[in-house]
PDB file of all heavy atoms in Angstrom:
ATOM      1  N   VAL A   1     -49.522 124.096  14.012  1.00  0.00           N
ATOM      2  CA  VAL A   1     -50.092 123.298  15.086  1.00  0.00           C
ATOM      3  C   VAL A   1     -50.979 124.182  15.949  1.00  0.00           C
ATOM      4  O   VAL A   1     -50.694 125.371  16.143  1.00  0.00           O
ATOM      5  CB  VAL A   1     -48.986 122.629  15.938  1.00  0.00           C
ATOM      6  CG1 VAL A   1     -48.163 123.677  16.700  1.00  0.00           C
ATOM      7  CG2 VAL A   1     -49.557 121.608  16.900  1.00  0.00           C
ATOM      8  N   VAL A   2     -52.056 123.597  16.457  1.00  0.00           N
ATOM      9  CA  VAL A   2     -53.048 124.364  17.214  1.00  0.00           C
ATOM     10  C   VAL A   2     -52.679 124.371  18.700  1.00  0.00           C
ATOM     11  O   VAL A   2     -53.184 123.571  19.485  1.00  0.00           O
ATOM     12  CB  VAL A   2     -54.470 123.808  17.001  1.00  0.00           C
ATOM     13  CG1 VAL A   2     -55.500 124.703  17.705  1.00  0.00           C
ATOM     14  CG2 VAL A   2     -54.792 123.701  15.523  1.00  0.00           C
ATOM     15  N   LEU A   3     -51.780 125.266  19.072  1.00  0.00           N
ATOM     16  CA  LEU A   3     -51.503 125.570  20.474  1.00  0.00           C
ATOM     17  C   LEU A   3     -52.169 126.917  20.749  1.00  0.00           C
ATOM     18  O   LEU A   3     -51.598 127.981  20.518  1.00  0.00           O
ATOM     19  CB  LEU A   3     -49.990 125.616  20.725  1.00  0.00           C
ATOM     20  CG  LEU A   3     -49.302 124.253  20.751  1.00  0.00           C
ATOM     21  CD1 LEU A   3     -47.788 124.398  20.675  1.00  0.00           C
ATOM     22  CD2 LEU A   3     -49.692 123.484  22.024  1.00  0.00           C
ATOM     23  N   GLN A   4     -53.406 126.862  21.217  1.00  0.00           N
ATOM     24  CA  GLN A   4     -54.260 128.051  21.241  1.00  0.00           C
ATOM     25  C   GLN A   4     -53.696 129.194  22.071  1.00  0.00           C
ATOM     26  O   GLN A   4     -53.939 130.359  21.774  1.00  0.00           O
ATOM     27  CB  GLN A   4     -55.645 127.670  21.768  1.00  0.00           C
ATOM     28  CG  GLN A   4     -56.373 126.666  20.921  1.00  0.00           C
ATOM     29  CD  GLN A   4     -57.433 125.946  21.705  1.00  0.00           C
ATOM     30  OE1 GLN A   4     -58.095 126.517  22.557  1.00  0.00           O
ATOM     31  NE2 GLN A   4     -57.599 124.661  21.454  1.00  0.00           N
ATOM     32  N   GLY A   5     -52.939 128.851  23.121  1.00  0.00           N
ATOM     33  CA  GLY A   5     -52.388 129.894  23.969  1.00  0.00           C
ATOM     34  C   GLY A   5     -51.486 130.864  23.235  1.00  0.00           C
ATOM     35  O   GLY A   5     -51.353 132.029  23.631  1.00  0.00           O
ATOM     36  N   HIS A   6     -50.875 130.428  22.129  1.00  0.00           N
ATOM     37  CA  HIS A   6     -50.002 131.314  21.364  1.00  0.00           C
ATOM     38  C   HIS A   6     -50.779 132.445  20.713  1.00  0.00           C
ATOM     39  O   HIS A   6     -50.213 133.493  20.395  1.00  0.00           O
ATOM     40  CB  HIS A   6     -49.252 130.515  20.296  1.00  0.00           C
ATOM     41  CG  HIS A   6     -48.085 129.744  20.837  1.00  0.00           C
ATOM     42  ND1 HIS A   6     -46.817 130.274  20.948  1.00  0.00           N
ATOM     43  CD2 HIS A   6     -48.001 128.484  21.322  1.00  0.00           C
ATOM     44  CE1 HIS A   6     -46.004 129.369  21.467  1.00  0.00           C
ATOM     45  NE2 HIS A   6     -46.699 128.270  21.697  1.00  0.00           N
ATOM     46  N   HIS A   7     -52.084 132.229  20.482  1.00  0.00           N
ATOM     47  CA  HIS A   7     -52.892 133.247  19.814  1.00  0.00           C
ATOM     48  C   HIS A   7     -53.964 133.832  20.733  1.00  0.00           C
ATOM     49  O   HIS A   7     -54.854 134.537  20.258  1.00  0.00           O
ATOM     50  CB  HIS A   7     -53.522 132.657  18.555  1.00  0.00           C
ATOM     51  CG  HIS A   7     -52.509 132.343  17.496  1.00  0.00           C
ATOM     52  ND1 HIS A   7     -51.958 133.304  16.681  1.00  0.00           N
ATOM     53  CD2 HIS A   7     -51.909 131.177  17.151  1.00  0.00           C
ATOM     54  CE1 HIS A   7     -51.085 132.748  15.861  1.00  0.00           C
ATOM     55  NE2 HIS A   7     -51.027 131.458  16.134  1.00  0.00           N
ATOM     56  N   SER A   8     -53.866 133.569  22.019  1.00  0.00           N
ATOM     57  CA  SER A   8     -54.787 134.163  22.988  1.00  0.00           C
ATOM     58  C   SER A   8     -54.528 135.656  23.109  1.00  0.00           C
ATOM     59  O   SER A   8     -53.396 136.070  23.381  1.00  0.00           O
ATOM     60  CB  SER A   8     -54.590 133.506  24.360  1.00  0.00           C
ATOM     61  OG  SER A   8     -55.087 134.322  25.395  1.00  0.00           O
ATOM     62  N   PRO A   9     -55.547 136.519  22.901  1.00  0.00           N
ATOM     63  CA  PRO A   9     -55.338 137.957  23.079  1.00  0.00           C
ATOM     64  C   PRO A   9     -54.839 138.304  24.473  1.00  0.00           C
ATOM     65  O   PRO A   9     -53.994 139.203  24.639  1.00  0.00           O
ATOM     66  CB  PRO A   9     -56.726 138.544  22.816  1.00  0.00           C
ATOM     67  CG  PRO A   9     -57.400 137.551  21.942  1.00  0.00           C
ATOM     68  CD  PRO A   9     -56.903 136.221  22.411  1.00  0.00           C
ATOM     69  N   SER A  10     -55.334 137.595  25.480  1.00  0.00           N
ATOM     70  CA  SER A  10     -54.901 137.868  26.851  1.00  0.00           C
ATOM     71  C   SER A  10     -53.435 137.523  27.045  1.00  0.00           C
ATOM     72  O   SER A  10     -52.673 138.285  27.670  1.00  0.00           O
ATOM     73  CB  SER A  10     -55.763 137.083  27.845  1.00  0.00           C
ATOM     74  OG  SER A  10     -57.116 137.483  27.783  1.00  0.00           O
ATOM     75  N   ALA A  11     -53.009 136.373  26.507  1.00  0.00           N
ATOM     76  CA  ALA A  11     -51.604 135.988  26.629  1.00  0.00           C
ATOM     77  C   ALA A  11     -50.709 136.974  25.894  1.00  0.00           C
ATOM     78  O   ALA A  11     -49.636 137.353  26.384  1.00  0.00           O
ATOM     79  CB  ALA A  11     -51.407 134.571  26.090  1.00  0.00           C
ATOM     80  N   ARG A  12     -51.143 137.408  24.723  1.00  0.00           N
ATOM     81  CA  ARG A  12     -50.358 138.389  23.968  1.00  0.00           C
ATOM     82  C   ARG A  12     -50.224 139.695  24.754  1.00  0.00           C
ATOM     83  O   ARG A  12     -49.149 140.302  24.795  1.00  0.00           O
ATOM     84  CB  ARG A  12     -51.030 138.653  22.618  1.00  0.00           C
ATOM     85  CG  ARG A  12     -51.002 137.485  21.669  1.00  0.00           C
ATOM     86  CD  ARG A  12     -51.786 137.787  20.403  1.00  0.00           C
ATOM     87  NE  ARG A  12     -51.251 138.948  19.702  1.00  0.00           N
ATOM     88  CZ  ARG A  12     -51.886 139.583  18.727  1.00  0.00           C
ATOM     89  NH1 ARG A  12     -53.086 139.186  18.361  1.00  0.00           N
ATOM     90  NH2 ARG A  12     -51.329 140.608  18.123  1.00  0.00           N
ATOM     91  N   PHE A  13     -51.313 140.122  25.373  1.00  0.00           N
ATOM     92  CA  PHE A  13     -51.300 141.369  26.135  1.00  0.00           C
ATOM     93  C   PHE A  13     -50.366 141.274  27.326  1.00  0.00           C
ATOM     94  O   PHE A  13     -49.553 142.186  27.579  1.00  0.00           O
ATOM     95  CB  PHE A  13     -52.718 141.704  26.580  1.00  0.00           C
ATOM     96  CG  PHE A  13     -52.838 142.954  27.413  1.00  0.00           C
ATOM     97  CD1 PHE A  13     -52.227 144.140  27.019  1.00  0.00           C
ATOM     98  CD2 PHE A  13     -53.572 142.949  28.589  1.00  0.00           C
ATOM     99  CE1 PHE A  13     -52.346 145.301  27.782  1.00  0.00           C
ATOM    100  CE2 PHE A  13     -53.701 144.097  29.350  1.00  0.00           C
ATOM    101  CZ  PHE A  13     -53.078 145.273  28.955  1.00  0.00           C
ATOM    102  N   VAL A  14     -50.448 140.165  28.062  1.00  0.00           N
ATOM    103  CA  VAL A  14     -49.587 140.011  29.239  1.00  0.00           C
ATOM    104  C   VAL A  14     -48.122 139.926  28.816  1.00  0.00           C
ATOM    105  O   VAL A  14     -47.236 140.505  29.470  1.00  0.00           O
ATOM    106  CB  VAL A  14     -50.005 138.779  30.058  1.00  0.00           C
ATOM    107  CG1 VAL A  14     -48.986 138.498  31.171  1.00  0.00           C
ATOM    108  CG2 VAL A  14     -51.388 139.001  30.670  1.00  0.00           C
ATOM    109  N   ALA A  15     -47.842 139.244  27.713  1.00  0.00           N
ATOM    110  CA  ALA A  15     -46.459 139.206  27.214  1.00  0.00           C
ATOM    111  C   ALA A  15     -45.966 140.611  26.893  1.00  0.00           C
ATOM    112  O   ALA A  15     -44.810 140.967  27.183  1.00  0.00           O
ATOM    113  CB  ALA A  15     -46.378 138.313  25.977  1.00  0.00           C
ATOM    114  N   ASP A  16     -46.834 141.433  26.305  1.00  0.00           N
ATOM    115  CA  ASP A  16     -46.460 142.817  26.000  1.00  0.00           C
ATOM    116  C   ASP A  16     -46.190 143.612  27.284  1.00  0.00           C
ATOM    117  O   ASP A  16     -45.243 144.412  27.346  1.00  0.00           O
ATOM    118  CB  ASP A  16     -47.560 143.507  25.199  1.00  0.00           C
ATOM    119  CG  ASP A  16     -47.654 142.992  23.769  1.00  0.00           C
ATOM    120  OD1 ASP A  16     -46.720 142.321  23.319  1.00  0.00           O
ATOM    121  OD2 ASP A  16     -48.695 143.257  23.125  1.00  0.00           O
ATOM    122  N   LEU A  17     -47.019 143.395  28.305  1.00  0.00           N
ATOM    123  CA  LEU A  17     -46.826 144.094  29.579  1.00  0.00           C
ATOM    124  C   LEU A  17     -45.469 143.739  30.190  1.00  0.00           C
ATOM    125  O   LEU A  17     -44.754 144.616  30.713  1.00  0.00           O
ATOM    126  CB  LEU A  17     -47.945 143.738  30.554  1.00  0.00           C
ATOM    127  CG  LEU A  17     -49.350 144.247  30.205  1.00  0.00           C
ATOM    128  CD1 LEU A  17     -50.373 143.657  31.170  1.00  0.00           C
ATOM    129  CD2 LEU A  17     -49.405 145.777  30.260  1.00  0.00           C
ATOM    130  N   LEU A  18     -45.104 142.457  30.134  1.00  0.00           N
ATOM    131  CA  LEU A  18     -43.801 142.054  30.668  1.00  0.00           C
ATOM    132  C   LEU A  18     -42.672 142.693  29.866  1.00  0.00           C
ATOM    133  O   LEU A  18     -41.683 143.175  30.433  1.00  0.00           O
ATOM    134  CB  LEU A  18     -43.663 140.536  30.642  1.00  0.00           C
ATOM    135  CG  LEU A  18     -44.598 139.722  31.537  1.00  0.00           C
ATOM    136  CD1 LEU A  18     -44.203 138.252  31.497  1.00  0.00           C
ATOM    137  CD2 LEU A  18     -44.598 140.222  32.968  1.00  0.00           C
ATOM    138  N   ALA A  19     -42.828 142.683  28.538  1.00  0.00           N
ATOM    139  CA  ALA A  19     -41.782 143.262  27.693  1.00  0.00           C
ATOM    140  C   ALA A  19     -41.613 144.759  27.943  1.00  0.00           C
ATOM    141  O   ALA A  19     -40.504 145.299  27.813  1.00  0.00           O
ATOM    142  CB  ALA A  19     -42.108 143.015  26.225  1.00  0.00           C
ATOM    143  N   GLU A  20     -42.703 145.436  28.323  1.00  0.00           N
ATOM    144  CA  GLU A  20     -42.647 146.868  28.606  1.00  0.00           C
ATOM    145  C   GLU A  20     -42.104 147.167  29.998  1.00  0.00           C
ATOM    146  O   GLU A  20     -41.927 148.339  30.369  1.00  0.00           O
ATOM    147  CB  GLU A  20     -44.051 147.468  28.486  1.00  0.00           C
ATOM    148  CG  GLU A  20     -44.603 147.451  27.059  1.00  0.00           C
ATOM    149  CD  GLU A  20     -46.101 147.717  27.036  1.00  0.00           C
ATOM    150  OE1 GLU A  20     -46.671 148.006  28.121  1.00  0.00           O
ATOM    151  OE2 GLU A  20     -46.699 147.621  25.951  1.00  0.00           O
ATOM    152  N   GLY A  21     -41.878 146.117  30.797  1.00  0.00           N
ATOM    153  CA  GLY A  21     -41.361 146.326  32.146  1.00  0.00           C
ATOM    154  C   GLY A  21     -42.397 146.769  33.154  1.00  0.00           C
ATOM    155  O   GLY A  21     -42.047 147.370  34.178  1.00  0.00           O
ATOM    156  N   ARG A  22     -43.666 146.453  32.912  1.00  0.00           N
ATOM    157  CA  ARG A  22     -44.718 146.927  33.814  1.00  0.00           C
ATOM    158  C   ARG A  22     -44.605 146.360  35.219  1.00  0.00           C
ATOM    159  O   ARG A  22     -45.125 146.954  36.167  1.00  0.00           O
ATOM    160  CB  ARG A  22     -46.088 146.602  33.223  1.00  0.00           C
ATOM    161  CG  ARG A  22     -46.447 147.455  32.018  1.00  0.00           C
ATOM    162  CD  ARG A  22     -46.745 148.894  32.434  1.00  0.00           C
ATOM    163  NE  ARG A  22     -47.892 148.989  33.292  1.00  0.00           N
ATOM    164  CZ  ARG A  22     -49.148 149.103  32.876  1.00  0.00           C
ATOM    165  NH1 ARG A  22     -49.397 149.119  31.559  1.00  0.00           N
ATOM    166  NH2 ARG A  22     -50.141 149.194  33.720  1.00  0.00           N
ATOM    167  N   ILE A  23     -43.964 145.203  35.385  1.00  0.00           N
ATOM    168  CA  ILE A  23     -43.737 144.693  36.744  1.00  0.00           C
ATOM    169  C   ILE A  23     -42.238 144.570  37.021  1.00  0.00           C
ATOM    170  O   ILE A  23     -41.822 143.827  37.907  1.00  0.00           O
ATOM    171  CB  ILE A  23     -44.453 143.344  36.979  1.00  0.00           C
ATOM    172  CG1 ILE A  23     -43.957 142.263  36.006  1.00  0.00           C
ATOM    173  CG2 ILE A  23     -45.970 143.500  36.880  1.00  0.00           C
ATOM    174  CD1 ILE A  23     -44.463 140.860  36.337  1.00  0.00           C
ATOM    175  N   GLY A  24     -41.458 145.293  36.281  1.00  0.00           N
ATOM    176  CA  GLY A  24     -40.009 145.223  36.442  1.00  0.00           C
ATOM    177  C   GLY A  24     -39.444 143.966  35.813  1.00  0.00           C
ATOM    178  O   GLY A  24     -39.981 143.445  34.833  1.00  0.00           O
ATOM    179  N   THR A  25     -38.368 143.469  36.379  1.00  0.00           N
ATOM    180  CA  THR A  25     -37.748 142.244  35.891  1.00  0.00           C
ATOM    181  C   THR A  25     -38.505 141.040  36.420  1.00  0.00           C
ATOM    182  O   THR A  25     -38.738 140.922  37.627  1.00  0.00           O
ATOM    183  CB  THR A  25     -36.280 142.167  36.354  1.00  0.00           C
ATOM    184  OG1 THR A  25     -35.577 143.305  35.857  1.00  0.00           O
ATOM    185  CG2 THR A  25     -35.627 140.900  35.853  1.00  0.00           C
ATOM    186  N   LEU A  26     -38.914 140.149  35.536  1.00  0.00           N
ATOM    187  CA  LEU A  26     -39.643 138.955  35.960  1.00  0.00           C
ATOM    188  C   LEU A  26     -38.732 138.068  36.796  1.00  0.00           C
ATOM    189  O   LEU A  26     -37.623 137.729  36.380  1.00  0.00           O
ATOM    190  CB  LEU A  26     -40.144 138.178  34.742  1.00  0.00           C
ATOM    191  CG  LEU A  26     -40.969 136.926  35.047  1.00  0.00           C
ATOM    192  CD1 LEU A  26     -42.280 137.293  35.736  1.00  0.00           C
ATOM    193  CD2 LEU A  26     -41.242 136.144  33.761  1.00  0.00           C
ATOM    194  N   GLU A  27     -39.236 137.698  37.988  1.00  0.00           N
ATOM    195  CA  GLU A  27     -38.431 136.879  38.896  1.00  0.00           C
ATOM    196  C   GLU A  27     -38.996 135.485  39.101  1.00  0.00           C
ATOM    197  O   GLU A  27     -38.235 134.530  39.273  1.00  0.00           O
ATOM    198  CB  GLU A  27     -38.289 137.593  40.242  1.00  0.00           C
ATOM    199  CG  GLU A  27     -37.510 138.913  40.121  1.00  0.00           C
ATOM    200  CD  GLU A  27     -37.335 139.619  41.453  1.00  0.00           C
ATOM    201  OE1 GLU A  27     -38.014 139.225  42.433  1.00  0.00           O
ATOM    202  OE2 GLU A  27     -36.514 140.552  41.520  1.00  0.00           O
ATOM    203  N   SER A  28     -40.325 135.363  39.104  1.00  0.00           N
ATOM    204  CA  SER A  28     -40.905 134.029  39.273  1.00  0.00           C
ATOM    205  C   SER A  28     -42.292 133.976  38.651  1.00  0.00           C
ATOM    206  O   SER A  28     -42.987 134.988  38.529  1.00  0.00           O
ATOM    207  CB  SER A  28     -40.988 133.643  40.764  1.00  0.00           C
ATOM    208  OG  SER A  28     -41.933 134.434  41.442  1.00  0.00           O
ATOM    209  N   VAL A  29     -42.656 132.755  38.249  1.00  0.00           N
ATOM    210  CA  VAL A  29     -43.958 132.479  37.644  1.00  0.00           C
ATOM    211  C   VAL A  29     -44.560 131.295  38.380  1.00  0.00           C
ATOM    212  O   VAL A  29     -43.876 130.301  38.640  1.00  0.00           O
ATOM    213  CB  VAL A  29     -43.813 132.125  36.148  1.00  0.00           C
ATOM    214  CG1 VAL A  29     -45.173 131.809  35.535  1.00  0.00           C
ATOM    215  CG2 VAL A  29     -43.121 133.240  35.386  1.00  0.00           C
ATOM    216  N   ALA A  30     -45.836 131.410  38.720  1.00  0.00           N
ATOM    217  CA  ALA A  30     -46.541 130.295  39.350  1.00  0.00           C
ATOM    218  C   ALA A  30     -47.865 130.082  38.623  1.00  0.00           C
ATOM    219  O   ALA A  30     -48.593 131.040  38.350  1.00  0.00           O
ATOM    220  CB  ALA A  30     -46.797 130.565  40.826  1.00  0.00           C
ATOM    221  N   LEU A  31     -48.165 128.837  38.296  1.00  0.00           N
ATOM    222  CA  LEU A  31     -49.417 128.490  37.633  1.00  0.00           C
ATOM    223  C   LEU A  31     -50.036 127.295  38.337  1.00  0.00           C
ATOM    224  O   LEU A  31     -49.382 126.264  38.512  1.00  0.00           O
ATOM    225  CB  LEU A  31     -49.171 128.152  36.156  1.00  0.00           C
ATOM    226  CG  LEU A  31     -50.371 127.598  35.380  1.00  0.00           C
ATOM    227  CD1 LEU A  31     -51.487 128.634  35.273  1.00  0.00           C
ATOM    228  CD2 LEU A  31     -49.950 127.122  33.989  1.00  0.00           C
ATOM    229  N   VAL A  32     -51.271 127.458  38.760  1.00  0.00           N
ATOM    230  CA  VAL A  32     -52.062 126.348  39.291  1.00  0.00           C
ATOM    231  C   VAL A  32     -53.260 126.196  38.371  1.00  0.00           C
ATOM    232  O   VAL A  32     -53.983 127.175  38.116  1.00  0.00           O
ATOM    233  CB  VAL A  32     -52.531 126.615  40.733  1.00  0.00           C
ATOM    234  CG1 VAL A  32     -53.395 125.454  41.221  1.00  0.00           C
ATOM    235  CG2 VAL A  32     -51.332 126.821  41.658  1.00  0.00           C
ATOM    236  N   ALA A  33     -53.471 124.984  37.853  1.00  0.00           N
ATOM    237  CA  ALA A  33     -54.517 124.798  36.850  1.00  0.00           C
ATOM    238  C   ALA A  33     -55.212 123.455  37.034  1.00  0.00           C
ATOM    239  O   ALA A  33     -54.611 122.483  37.503  1.00  0.00           O
ATOM    240  CB  ALA A  33     -53.926 124.894  35.445  1.00  0.00           C
ATOM    241  N   GLU A  34     -56.469 123.415  36.646  1.00  0.00           N
ATOM    242  CA  GLU A  34     -57.269 122.197  36.731  1.00  0.00           C
ATOM    243  C   GLU A  34     -57.095 121.363  35.475  1.00  0.00           C
ATOM    244  O   GLU A  34     -57.114 121.890  34.359  1.00  0.00           O
ATOM    245  CB  GLU A  34     -58.746 122.548  36.920  1.00  0.00           C
ATOM    246  CG  GLU A  34     -59.014 123.314  38.201  1.00  0.00           C
ATOM    247  CD  GLU A  34     -60.494 123.586  38.408  1.00  0.00           C
ATOM    248  OE1 GLU A  34     -61.333 122.847  37.854  1.00  0.00           O
ATOM    249  OE2 GLU A  34     -60.817 124.553  39.118  1.00  0.00           O
ATOM    250  N   GLY A  35     -56.934 120.044  35.658  1.00  0.00           N
ATOM    251  CA  GLY A  35     -56.699 119.156  34.528  1.00  0.00           C
ATOM    252  C   GLY A  35     -57.808 118.179  34.219  1.00  0.00           C
ATOM    253  O   GLY A  35     -57.633 117.296  33.380  1.00  0.00           O
ATOM    254  N   ALA A  36     -58.962 118.297  34.901  1.00  0.00           N
ATOM    255  CA  ALA A  36     -60.082 117.421  34.579  1.00  0.00           C
ATOM    256  C   ALA A  36     -60.488 117.651  33.114  1.00  0.00           C
ATOM    257  O   ALA A  36     -60.334 118.776  32.607  1.00  0.00           O
ATOM    258  CB  ALA A  36     -61.258 117.724  35.503  1.00  0.00           C
ATOM    259  N   PRO A  37     -60.950 116.611  32.410  1.00  0.00           N
ATOM    260  CA  PRO A  37     -61.465 115.332  32.905  1.00  0.00           C
ATOM    261  C   PRO A  37     -60.424 114.224  33.064  1.00  0.00           C
ATOM    262  O   PRO A  37     -60.798 113.056  33.225  1.00  0.00           O
ATOM    263  CB  PRO A  37     -62.475 114.949  31.819  1.00  0.00           C
ATOM    264  CG  PRO A  37     -61.838 115.449  30.567  1.00  0.00           C
ATOM    265  CD  PRO A  37     -61.195 116.753  30.952  1.00  0.00           C
ATOM    266  N   PHE A  38     -59.147 114.546  32.986  1.00  0.00           N
ATOM    267  CA  PHE A  38     -58.112 113.532  33.153  1.00  0.00           C
ATOM    268  C   PHE A  38     -57.683 113.462  34.617  1.00  0.00           C
ATOM    269  O   PHE A  38     -57.760 114.443  35.352  1.00  0.00           O
ATOM    270  CB  PHE A  38     -56.898 113.859  32.288  1.00  0.00           C
ATOM    271  CG  PHE A  38     -57.188 113.921  30.816  1.00  0.00           C
ATOM    272  CD1 PHE A  38     -57.353 115.138  30.183  1.00  0.00           C
ATOM    273  CD2 PHE A  38     -57.308 112.761  30.074  1.00  0.00           C
ATOM    274  CE1 PHE A  38     -57.617 115.202  28.819  1.00  0.00           C
ATOM    275  CE2 PHE A  38     -57.575 112.807  28.713  1.00  0.00           C
ATOM    276  CZ  PHE A  38     -57.739 114.039  28.081  1.00  0.00           C
ATOM    277  N   GLY A  39     -57.196 112.273  35.034  1.00  0.00           N
ATOM    278  CA  GLY A  39     -56.518 112.148  36.311  1.00  0.00           C
ATOM    279  C   GLY A  39     -57.351 111.751  37.498  1.00  0.00           C
ATOM    280  O   GLY A  39     -56.795 111.557  38.585  1.00  0.00           O
ATOM    281  N   GLY A  40     -58.660 111.618  37.357  1.00  0.00           N
ATOM    282  CA  GLY A  40     -59.491 111.237  38.490  1.00  0.00           C
ATOM    283  C   GLY A  40     -59.658 109.730  38.607  1.00  0.00           C
ATOM    284  O   GLY A  40     -59.009 108.955  37.913  1.00  0.00           O
ATOM    285  N   ASN A  41     -60.560 109.307  39.502  1.00  0.00           N
ATOM    286  CA  ASN A  41     -60.817 107.872  39.654  1.00  0.00           C
ATOM    287  C   ASN A  41     -61.962 107.406  38.768  1.00  0.00           C
ATOM    288  O   ASN A  41     -62.400 106.268  38.855  1.00  0.00           O
ATOM    289  CB  ASN A  41     -61.096 107.517  41.118  1.00  0.00           C
ATOM    290  CG  ASN A  41     -62.332 108.210  41.667  1.00  0.00           C
ATOM    291  OD1 ASN A  41     -63.055 108.907  40.951  1.00  0.00           O
ATOM    292  ND2 ASN A  41     -62.589 108.012  42.960  1.00  0.00           N
ATOM    293  N   ARG A  42     -62.446 108.317  37.899  1.00  0.00           N
ATOM    294  CA  ARG A  42     -63.437 107.970  36.878  1.00  0.00           C
ATOM    295  C   ARG A  42     -62.980 108.533  35.532  1.00  0.00           C
ATOM    296  O   ARG A  42     -62.211 109.493  35.488  1.00  0.00           O
ATOM    297  CB  ARG A  42     -64.817 108.544  37.218  1.00  0.00           C
ATOM    298  CG  ARG A  42     -65.390 108.046  38.531  1.00  0.00           C
ATOM    299  CD  ARG A  42     -66.851 108.433  38.674  1.00  0.00           C
ATOM    300  NE  ARG A  42     -67.076 109.871  38.666  1.00  0.00           N
ATOM    301  CZ  ARG A  42     -66.997 110.649  39.746  1.00  0.00           C
ATOM    302  NH1 ARG A  42     -66.677 110.113  40.923  1.00  0.00           N
ATOM    303  NH2 ARG A  42     -67.227 111.940  39.664  1.00  0.00           N
ATOM    304  N   ILE A  43     -63.458 107.947  34.458  1.00  0.00           N
ATOM    305  CA  ILE A  43     -63.098 108.405  33.114  1.00  0.00           C
ATOM    306  C   ILE A  43     -64.322 108.306  32.217  1.00  0.00           C
ATOM    307  O   ILE A  43     -65.115 107.367  32.334  1.00  0.00           O
ATOM    308  CB  ILE A  43     -61.925 107.564  32.533  1.00  0.00           C
ATOM    309  CG1 ILE A  43     -61.335 108.226  31.278  1.00  0.00           C
ATOM    310  CG2 ILE A  43     -62.354 106.142  32.239  1.00  0.00           C
ATOM    311  CD1 ILE A  43     -60.519 109.461  31.558  1.00  0.00           C
ATOM    312  N   TRP A  44     -64.484 109.278  31.343  1.00  0.00           N
ATOM    313  CA  TRP A  44     -65.583 109.229  30.374  1.00  0.00           C
ATOM    314  C   TRP A  44     -65.377 108.068  29.412  1.00  0.00           C
ATOM    315  O   TRP A  44     -64.235 107.736  29.051  1.00  0.00           O
ATOM    316  CB  TRP A  44     -65.646 110.533  29.589  1.00  0.00           C
ATOM    317  CG  TRP A  44     -65.965 111.741  30.413  1.00  0.00           C
ATOM    318  CD1 TRP A  44     -66.446 111.779  31.685  1.00  0.00           C
ATOM    319  CD2 TRP A  44     -65.807 113.103  30.001  1.00  0.00           C
ATOM    320  NE1 TRP A  44     -66.600 113.073  32.104  1.00  0.00           N
ATOM    321  CE2 TRP A  44     -66.219 113.902  31.094  1.00  0.00           C
ATOM    322  CE3 TRP A  44     -65.367 113.718  28.834  1.00  0.00           C
ATOM    323  CZ2 TRP A  44     -66.191 115.299  31.033  1.00  0.00           C
ATOM    324  CZ3 TRP A  44     -65.342 115.099  28.772  1.00  0.00           C
ATOM    325  CH2 TRP A  44     -65.762 115.881  29.850  1.00  0.00           C
TER     326      TRP A  44
END
């Protein structure tokens, strides 16, 4: 299945950094992201 984030070089790198303990023990994750073109008062 095409879940592109699984093969993103950046995502792989950040996962490696966490596994190496570069920021210690992970305590929290926050993601804010844009979802357009869905969810507005207009639609294509």
